[in-house]
Protein backbone atom coordinates (compact mmCIF):
# COMPACT_ATOMS: atom_id res chain seq x y z
CA MET A 1 58.27 165.75 31.07
CA HIS A 2 61.11 164.48 29.06
CA ASN A 3 60.91 162.38 25.89
CA ILE A 4 62.68 159.23 26.95
CA LYS A 5 63.24 156.22 24.52
CA PHE A 6 64.94 152.98 25.18
CA TRP A 7 66.30 150.75 22.47
CA PHE A 8 67.06 147.06 24.07
CA ALA A 9 67.24 143.68 23.07
CA ARG A 10 66.17 140.55 25.07
CA GLY A 11 69.15 138.34 26.28
CA SER A 12 71.51 141.57 26.05
CA CYS A 13 73.19 143.57 28.45
CA SER A 14 70.15 146.06 28.06
CA LEU A 15 68.39 144.08 30.72
CA ALA A 16 70.19 146.02 33.88
CA THR A 17 69.30 149.38 32.26
CA HIS A 18 65.57 148.24 31.42
CA THR A 19 65.18 147.49 35.11
CA LEU A 20 66.78 150.67 36.28
CA LEU A 21 64.35 152.48 34.09
CA HIS A 22 61.18 150.58 35.67
CA GLU A 23 63.08 151.02 39.21
CA SER A 24 63.04 154.75 38.28
CA GLY A 25 59.36 155.21 37.89
CA LEU A 26 60.45 157.52 34.87
CA PRO A 27 57.98 156.97 31.75
CA PHE A 28 59.81 155.99 28.91
CA THR A 29 59.09 154.12 25.45
CA PRO A 30 60.91 150.95 25.22
CA ILE A 31 61.74 149.88 21.51
CA GLU A 32 62.71 146.31 21.42
CA ILE A 33 64.95 145.33 18.63
CA SER A 34 66.46 141.97 17.49
CA VAL A 35 70.31 141.16 17.55
CA GLN A 36 69.54 137.48 16.23
CA LYS A 37 67.78 139.19 13.13
CA GLN A 38 70.64 141.68 12.94
CA GLU A 39 68.41 144.66 13.43
CA THR A 40 71.34 146.34 15.35
CA GLN A 41 73.13 146.07 12.06
CA SER A 42 70.67 148.06 10.04
CA ALA A 43 71.14 151.61 8.43
CA SER A 44 68.00 153.07 10.31
CA PHE A 45 69.73 151.75 13.89
CA SER A 46 73.11 153.08 12.85
CA ARG A 47 71.81 156.43 12.55
CA ILE A 48 70.82 156.21 16.28
CA ASN A 49 74.01 154.48 17.31
CA PRO A 50 76.88 154.05 14.91
CA LYS A 51 78.42 151.79 17.44
CA ARG A 52 75.43 149.47 16.32
CA ARG A 53 74.79 147.95 19.83
CA VAL A 54 72.14 148.11 22.98
CA PRO A 55 71.28 149.71 25.05
CA VAL A 56 70.61 153.16 23.64
CA LEU A 57 68.58 155.91 25.64
CA SER A 58 67.49 159.11 24.28
CA VAL A 59 66.32 161.76 26.24
CA ASP A 60 64.73 164.60 24.29
CA ASP A 61 66.33 163.28 21.16
CA VAL A 62 70.00 163.61 23.31
CA VAL A 63 71.17 159.91 22.42
CA MET A 64 73.55 158.11 24.96
CA THR A 65 75.16 154.59 24.80
CA GLU A 66 76.79 152.05 27.40
CA THR A 67 75.19 150.79 30.44
CA PRO A 68 77.29 153.03 33.06
CA ALA A 69 76.63 156.09 31.16
CA ILE A 70 72.95 155.44 30.73
CA ALA A 71 72.49 154.38 34.30
CA PHE A 72 74.10 157.41 35.68
CA ALA A 73 71.89 159.64 33.43
CA ILE A 74 68.81 157.88 34.75
CA SER A 75 69.96 157.96 38.49
CA GLN A 76 70.41 161.58 38.07
CA ARG A 77 66.70 162.17 37.14
CA VAL A 78 65.64 160.86 40.34
CA PRO A 79 68.23 161.42 42.80
CA GLU A 80 65.69 161.07 45.55
CA LYS A 81 65.50 157.04 44.97
CA GLY A 82 69.61 156.56 45.24
CA LEU A 83 69.38 154.07 42.68
CA LEU A 84 73.35 154.41 42.00
CA GLY A 85 74.01 154.42 45.92
CA VAL A 86 73.53 157.09 48.70
CA SER A 87 76.65 157.55 50.13
CA ASP A 88 80.14 158.21 48.12
CA LEU A 89 81.37 155.13 48.95
CA ASP A 90 78.02 153.39 47.69
CA LYS A 91 78.51 155.10 44.27
CA VAL A 92 82.07 153.90 44.29
CA ARG A 93 81.10 150.45 44.68
CA VAL A 94 78.33 150.62 42.09
CA LEU A 95 81.01 151.72 39.64
CA GLU A 96 83.15 148.89 40.59
CA TRP A 97 80.25 146.62 40.14
CA MET A 98 79.39 147.88 36.66
CA CYS A 99 82.87 147.75 35.37
């Protein structure tokens, strides 16, 4: 099993990724940070994501950022769920929606 960590902030665009993680059924460690308290600007968070924003996903210490990339990474781990579509056209439409 992979060690998955997810950094998120309430009220941010990390909600979609958070929902997708729950739908995937993959076990993960949620790590809430506060944008209002400027925790994304801290030196410790900057070492995780130099872009200083959420969402951030870490799988076995490999860090990923940006919602479309993270969504793709999650969906690859549970292809049987079809989280980002089943047909090629479904997948295209999901990418359109995310962009």
